[in-house]
Amino acid sequence: MEKIIIGSTRAGLTLKKDLIAHLENKGFQVDDVGMKDEREFVPYHKAASAVARGVSEGKYDKGVIICGTGAGSVITAAKFRGVYPVHVTNTFMAQQAKAVNNCNVLVFGEWLSPAKHACLMLDAWLAAEFTEGNTDDWKIFLKNCVKEIGDMENENFK
């Protein structure tokens, strides 16, 4: 059973609950590291960093973060080595985030994405494979890009 880590702040709490139910219905084990109810408060950068840390440390292959717009969470998650977050607003973006950029953390803005739409985006991302749909030479190009980005990351995060 594949495990996914998920987290949100208050602005993403409702959508997070919908996404967890959707993922569990598909057979995923979901570990929730963010806000769990309205009585507690977890700021967006703490929820995003908890998800990013789990992916960065190799405990999870994939993560999902939800906040109000997605902007602050993607900025926070990108501060972690090996974490490649993309904020998506449609299914094409979600599919391409994996197929082209090898995205391992999907970021949603609850204020921008209704649950039904977010579930479709999540499914598109989960179904996608890195380099799928590309010619052999383009696959090599994309893999080299991701490798070079990793090299940049290693240099910048010394």
Foldseek 3Di string as FASTA:
>chain_A
DAEEEEEEFPQCAVLVVLLCVLVVVVPYHYHYDYDHDPVDGDDQLRRLVVRLVCCLVPVHQAYEYEYAAQVVSQVNSVVGQPAAEDEDQAQVCLLCCCQQVVHRYYYYHCNRDPNVRVSSNVVSNVPHHHVPPHDPVVSVVSVVVNVVVNVVVVVVVD
